Protein backbone atom coordinates (compact mmCIF):
# COMPACT_ATOMS: atom_id res chain seq x y z
CA UNK A 1 -5.71 105.34 92.57
CA UNK A 2 -5.33 102.48 90.90
CA UNK A 3 -5.03 98.71 91.25
CA UNK A 4 -3.23 95.86 89.87
CA UNK A 5 -3.21 91.50 90.77
CA UNK A 6 0.19 90.29 91.76
CA UNK A 7 0.63 87.16 91.88
CA UNK A 8 -2.91 85.92 92.86
CA UNK A 9 -3.82 88.90 95.06
CA UNK A 10 -5.09 92.04 94.73
CA UNK A 11 -2.78 94.90 95.18
CA UNK A 12 -4.01 98.88 95.08
CA UNK A 13 -1.58 101.48 94.68
CA UNK A 14 -2.26 105.06 96.07
CA UNK A 15 -0.73 108.32 95.30
CA UNK A 16 -0.92 111.47 96.97
CA UNK A 17 -0.13 115.07 95.28
CA UNK A 18 2.13 117.92 96.62
CA UNK A 19 2.29 121.30 95.49
CA UNK A 20 5.56 123.00 95.07
CA UNK A 21 5.53 127.09 94.56
CA UNK A 22 5.91 127.90 91.25
CA UNK A 23 5.91 124.69 89.46
CA UNK A 24 2.91 121.64 89.12
CA UNK A 25 1.49 119.32 91.06
CA UNK A 26 4.17 116.76 92.06
CA UNK A 27 3.97 113.15 93.41
CA UNK A 28 5.14 112.76 97.11
CA UNK A 29 4.66 109.33 97.80
CA UNK A 30 3.34 105.89 96.59
CA UNK A 31 2.39 103.33 99.28
CA UNK A 32 2.23 99.92 98.00
CA UNK A 33 -1.08 98.65 100.25
CA UNK A 34 -1.63 94.59 99.70
CA UNK A 35 -5.02 92.80 100.77
CA UNK A 36 -2.64 90.09 101.97
CA UNK A 37 -0.45 89.05 104.19
CA UNK A 38 2.76 91.61 102.77
CA UNK A 39 1.26 94.49 104.97
CA UNK A 40 2.14 98.35 103.82
CA UNK A 41 5.54 99.19 102.32
CA UNK A 42 6.90 102.82 102.33
CA UNK A 43 8.16 103.87 99.13
CA UNK A 44 11.46 105.59 101.25
CA UNK A 45 12.69 102.25 102.56
CA UNK A 46 12.65 100.47 99.74
CA UNK A 47 16.17 101.58 98.27
CA UNK A 48 19.21 101.34 100.06
CA UNK A 49 21.22 104.14 98.19
CA UNK A 50 19.80 107.81 97.98
CA UNK A 51 21.09 108.73 93.98
CA UNK A 52 19.11 105.78 93.31
CA UNK A 53 15.85 106.77 95.66
CA UNK A 54 16.15 110.11 94.23
CA UNK A 55 16.08 108.96 90.43
CA UNK A 56 13.18 106.71 91.00
CA UNK A 57 11.50 109.92 92.21
CA UNK A 58 12.54 112.11 89.80
CA UNK A 59 11.25 109.64 86.87
CA UNK A 60 8.17 109.14 88.58
CA UNK A 61 7.35 112.88 88.52
CA UNK A 62 8.20 113.30 84.83
CA UNK A 63 5.57 110.54 84.01
CA UNK A 64 2.81 112.23 86.27
CA UNK A 65 4.14 115.71 84.18
CA UNK A 66 3.80 113.95 81.00
CA UNK A 67 0.73 112.47 81.76
CA UNK A 68 -1.26 115.90 82.84
CA UNK A 69 0.59 117.21 80.03
CA UNK A 70 -2.01 118.53 76.95
CA UNK A 71 -1.12 116.88 73.66
CA UNK A 72 0.06 120.13 72.06
CA UNK A 73 2.22 120.58 75.26
CA UNK A 74 6.34 118.80 74.15
CA UNK A 75 6.60 116.28 76.68
CA UNK A 76 10.11 115.44 78.64
CA UNK A 77 12.18 113.16 76.93
CA UNK A 78 15.77 112.17 77.56
CA UNK A 79 18.37 111.99 80.17
CA UNK A 80 17.48 114.64 83.72
CA UNK A 81 17.59 117.70 84.41
CA UNK A 82 18.85 119.25 87.34
CA UNK A 83 15.55 121.02 88.36
CA UNK A 84 13.92 117.67 87.99
CA UNK A 85 16.57 115.89 90.32
CA UNK A 86 16.34 119.04 92.95
CA UNK A 87 12.55 118.84 92.83
CA UNK A 88 12.32 114.95 93.93
CA UNK A 89 15.06 115.93 96.71
CA UNK A 90 12.61 118.54 97.73
CA UNK A 91 9.67 115.62 97.76
CA UNK A 92 12.11 113.08 100.02
CA UNK A 93 12.72 115.77 102.46
CA UNK A 94 9.27 116.92 102.77
CA UNK A 95 8.28 112.95 103.06
CA UNK A 96 10.55 112.66 105.55
CA UNK A 97 10.23 115.46 107.65
CA UNK A 98 6.11 114.37 107.86
CA UNK A 99 6.82 111.30 109.26
CA UNK A 100 9.02 112.52 111.47
CA UNK A 101 7.96 115.99 112.42
CA UNK A 102 3.86 116.10 112.47
CA UNK A 103 3.56 118.10 115.13
CA UNK A 104 6.22 120.63 114.53
CA UNK A 105 5.05 121.16 110.48
CA UNK A 106 1.64 122.38 111.58
CA UNK A 107 2.76 124.38 113.93
CA UNK A 108 5.02 126.25 111.69
CA UNK A 109 2.46 126.05 109.34
CA UNK A 110 0.15 128.03 111.39
CA UNK A 111 2.65 130.54 112.35
CA UNK A 112 2.61 128.90 116.33
CA UNK A 113 5.72 128.41 118.70
CA UNK A 114 6.76 125.04 118.83
CA UNK A 115 6.05 123.13 121.78
CA UNK A 116 8.69 123.03 124.62
CA UNK A 117 8.94 119.65 124.40
CA UNK A 118 9.93 119.80 120.77
CA UNK A 119 13.30 118.79 119.52
CA UNK A 120 13.59 120.89 117.01
CA UNK A 121 12.97 123.95 119.32
CA UNK A 122 16.88 125.12 119.61
CA UNK A 123 17.44 125.08 116.18
CA UNK A 124 14.56 128.15 115.48
CA UNK A 125 13.42 125.98 112.23
CA UNK A 126 11.46 127.69 109.05
CA UNK A 127 9.51 126.20 106.50
CA UNK A 128 11.12 127.58 103.08
CA UNK A 129 8.71 128.36 99.96
CA UNK A 130 8.82 124.75 98.70
CA UNK A 131 8.02 123.40 102.54
CA UNK A 132 10.91 121.94 103.92
CA UNK A 133 12.29 122.57 107.45
CA UNK A 134 15.50 124.14 108.01
CA UNK A 135 17.74 125.28 110.74
CA UNK A 136 17.21 128.93 111.03
CA UNK A 137 20.54 130.83 112.28
CA UNK A 138 21.90 134.55 112.04
CA UNK A 139 23.63 133.86 108.71
CA UNK A 140 22.00 135.40 105.60
CA UNK A 141 24.12 138.10 104.86
CA UNK A 142 27.33 135.34 104.98
CA UNK A 143 28.81 134.75 101.48
CA UNK A 144 27.80 131.17 101.43
CA UNK A 145 25.14 129.52 99.55
CA UNK A 146 21.51 128.94 101.16
CA UNK A 147 21.56 125.14 101.30
CA UNK A 148 25.14 126.25 104.57
CA UNK A 149 23.19 129.23 105.61
CA UNK A 150 20.17 126.75 106.34
CA UNK A 151 20.95 123.43 106.45
CA UNK A 152 17.42 120.77 105.91
CA UNK A 153 16.23 119.18 109.30
CA UNK A 154 17.07 115.17 109.21
CA UNK A 155 15.55 113.36 111.90
CA UNK A 156 17.81 110.90 113.84
CA UNK A 157 16.48 107.63 113.54
CA UNK A 158 16.01 107.47 109.48
CA UNK A 159 16.27 105.85 106.90
CA UNK A 160 16.96 108.57 104.81
CA UNK A 161 19.01 110.21 106.72
CA UNK A 162 21.44 106.51 106.86
CA UNK A 163 21.15 106.96 103.24
CA UNK A 164 22.61 110.55 103.23
CA UNK A 165 25.50 109.40 105.81
CA UNK A 166 26.50 106.56 103.29
CA UNK A 167 26.75 108.70 100.57
CA UNK A 168 28.45 111.39 102.22
CA UNK A 169 30.89 108.83 103.75
CA UNK A 170 31.85 107.17 100.27
CA UNK A 171 31.55 110.41 98.83
CA UNK A 172 34.48 111.97 101.46
CA UNK A 173 36.42 108.78 100.16
CA UNK A 174 35.59 106.81 104.03
CA UNK A 175 36.72 109.97 106.20
CA UNK A 176 36.27 109.57 109.63
CA UNK A 177 32.96 110.46 111.63
CA UNK A 178 34.30 114.13 112.03
CA UNK A 179 34.99 115.00 108.60
CA UNK A 180 31.66 113.19 107.40
CA UNK A 181 30.03 114.88 109.93
CA UNK A 182 31.16 118.41 108.57
CA UNK A 183 30.26 117.23 105.23
CA UNK A 184 27.14 116.82 105.46
CA UNK A 185 26.25 119.65 107.37
CA UNK A 186 26.85 121.43 104.34
CA UNK A 187 24.05 120.54 103.33
CA UNK A 188 21.95 119.19 105.98
CA UNK A 189 21.58 119.34 109.66
CA UNK A 190 20.83 115.81 111.48
CA UNK A 191 19.61 115.48 114.68
CA UNK A 192 22.21 113.77 117.10
CA UNK A 193 24.68 113.98 114.00
CA UNK A 194 27.65 113.00 115.92
CA UNK A 195 26.27 109.74 117.32
CA UNK A 196 24.24 108.57 114.32
CA UNK A 197 27.22 109.56 111.81
CA UNK A 198 29.26 107.15 113.99
CA UNK A 199 27.11 104.33 114.54
CA UNK A 200 26.53 104.22 111.15
CA UNK A 201 30.04 103.91 110.07
CA UNK A 202 30.63 101.89 112.25
CA UNK A 203 28.82 99.11 109.85
CA UNK A 204 30.72 100.32 106.85
CA UNK A 205 32.24 97.19 105.85
CA UNK A 206 35.37 98.67 103.53
CA UNK A 207 36.25 100.54 107.09
CA UNK A 208 36.01 97.56 108.85
CA UNK A 209 38.43 95.88 106.72
CA UNK A 210 40.91 98.31 106.33
CA UNK A 211 40.98 99.15 109.99
CA UNK A 212 44.63 98.22 111.14
CA UNK A 213 45.06 96.45 114.26
CA UNK A 214 47.11 98.40 117.00
CA UNK A 215 49.57 96.12 118.82
CA UNK A 216 51.16 97.62 121.91
CA UNK A 217 54.36 96.05 123.14
CA UNK A 218 54.84 94.98 126.39
CA UNK A 219 57.72 97.70 128.53
CA UNK A 220 61.40 96.17 129.39
CA UNK A 221 62.84 96.07 132.84
CA UNK A 222 63.26 99.25 134.80
CA UNK A 223 67.10 99.38 135.10
CA UNK A 224 68.80 98.71 138.85
CA UNK A 225 68.71 102.13 139.59
CA UNK A 226 65.74 103.22 138.90
CA UNK A 227 64.12 100.83 141.18
CA UNK A 228 67.16 100.83 144.30
CA UNK A 229 66.72 103.95 146.78
CA UNK A 230 69.81 105.78 147.02
CA UNK A 231 71.16 109.37 147.28
CA UNK A 232 69.63 112.31 145.53
CA UNK A 233 71.28 112.77 142.14
CA UNK A 234 73.30 110.08 142.85
CA UNK A 235 72.88 108.57 139.32
CA UNK A 236 72.11 111.14 136.76
CA UNK A 237 71.09 111.09 133.24
CA UNK A 238 70.93 113.34 130.44
CA UNK A 239 69.44 113.21 127.17
CA UNK A 240 70.94 114.82 124.33
CA UNK A 241 71.34 114.80 120.52
CA UNK A 242 74.35 115.40 118.52
CA UNK A 243 76.69 115.89 117.19
CA UNK A 244 78.38 118.36 119.69
CA UNK A 245 80.73 120.48 118.32
CA UNK A 246 83.90 121.07 120.37
CA UNK A 247 86.21 123.82 120.13
CA UNK A 248 89.90 122.47 120.95
CA UNK A 249 91.43 125.12 123.41
CA UNK A 250 91.09 129.20 122.88
CA UNK A 251 92.59 131.92 120.93
CA UNK A 252 92.66 131.87 117.30
CA UNK A 253 93.40 128.43 114.50
CA UNK A 254 92.17 126.62 116.86
CA UNK A 255 89.80 124.10 115.18
CA UNK A 256 86.22 123.12 115.82
CA UNK A 257 85.64 119.29 116.08
CA UNK A 258 83.03 116.91 116.80
């Protein structure tokens, strides 16, 4: 825990460590608690881009690893590696799930059945080696990636879920709700996916601007024979497409004309 003054007020910065299997302790969250009237700020809600949030987490985790490294060890420098970015995403997912599903996580850690009122009970959830809650299923032997077999569970109304929807929506070139949801479910499983995707896409400014306005023209008046009572088949009509070929007479040498 460290502290620093900001504009005449005393602010406490607190870091909590979380372990990942096979790795060193990684920072899981930072909460900036002000002793003034500013309240508590959650780091997960401080960014409007999932990519930027992931990079911030990755650099923070690198800084912590370098600070804990011994003098004889080489410190990490340069651009971020794929493993560092993946570790940052894992921490973001764990923080999100700990905030949204605290009861379910405790039950899964204790290997106890979920309560019947849980929103995850129909998904047959489980925790992977990194402590992330994923959707269970029967696709263990399918020739697809691990994320497709067991997508990460995301809460319905959460800022991280909205950021992921926005990112996938842009990657799919502002696709519709069904295409966006199908792309999201390649890696994630948001609760009430259809509703939350439609709600989020309705707030897309670019889609709203380019959405064409549909005009419906008024139909013309019906002809007289359509509205006047008459004998059956007195007036008949037929739809046909041309050209119609007509053979002039019978026998050989007769030509066919239109």
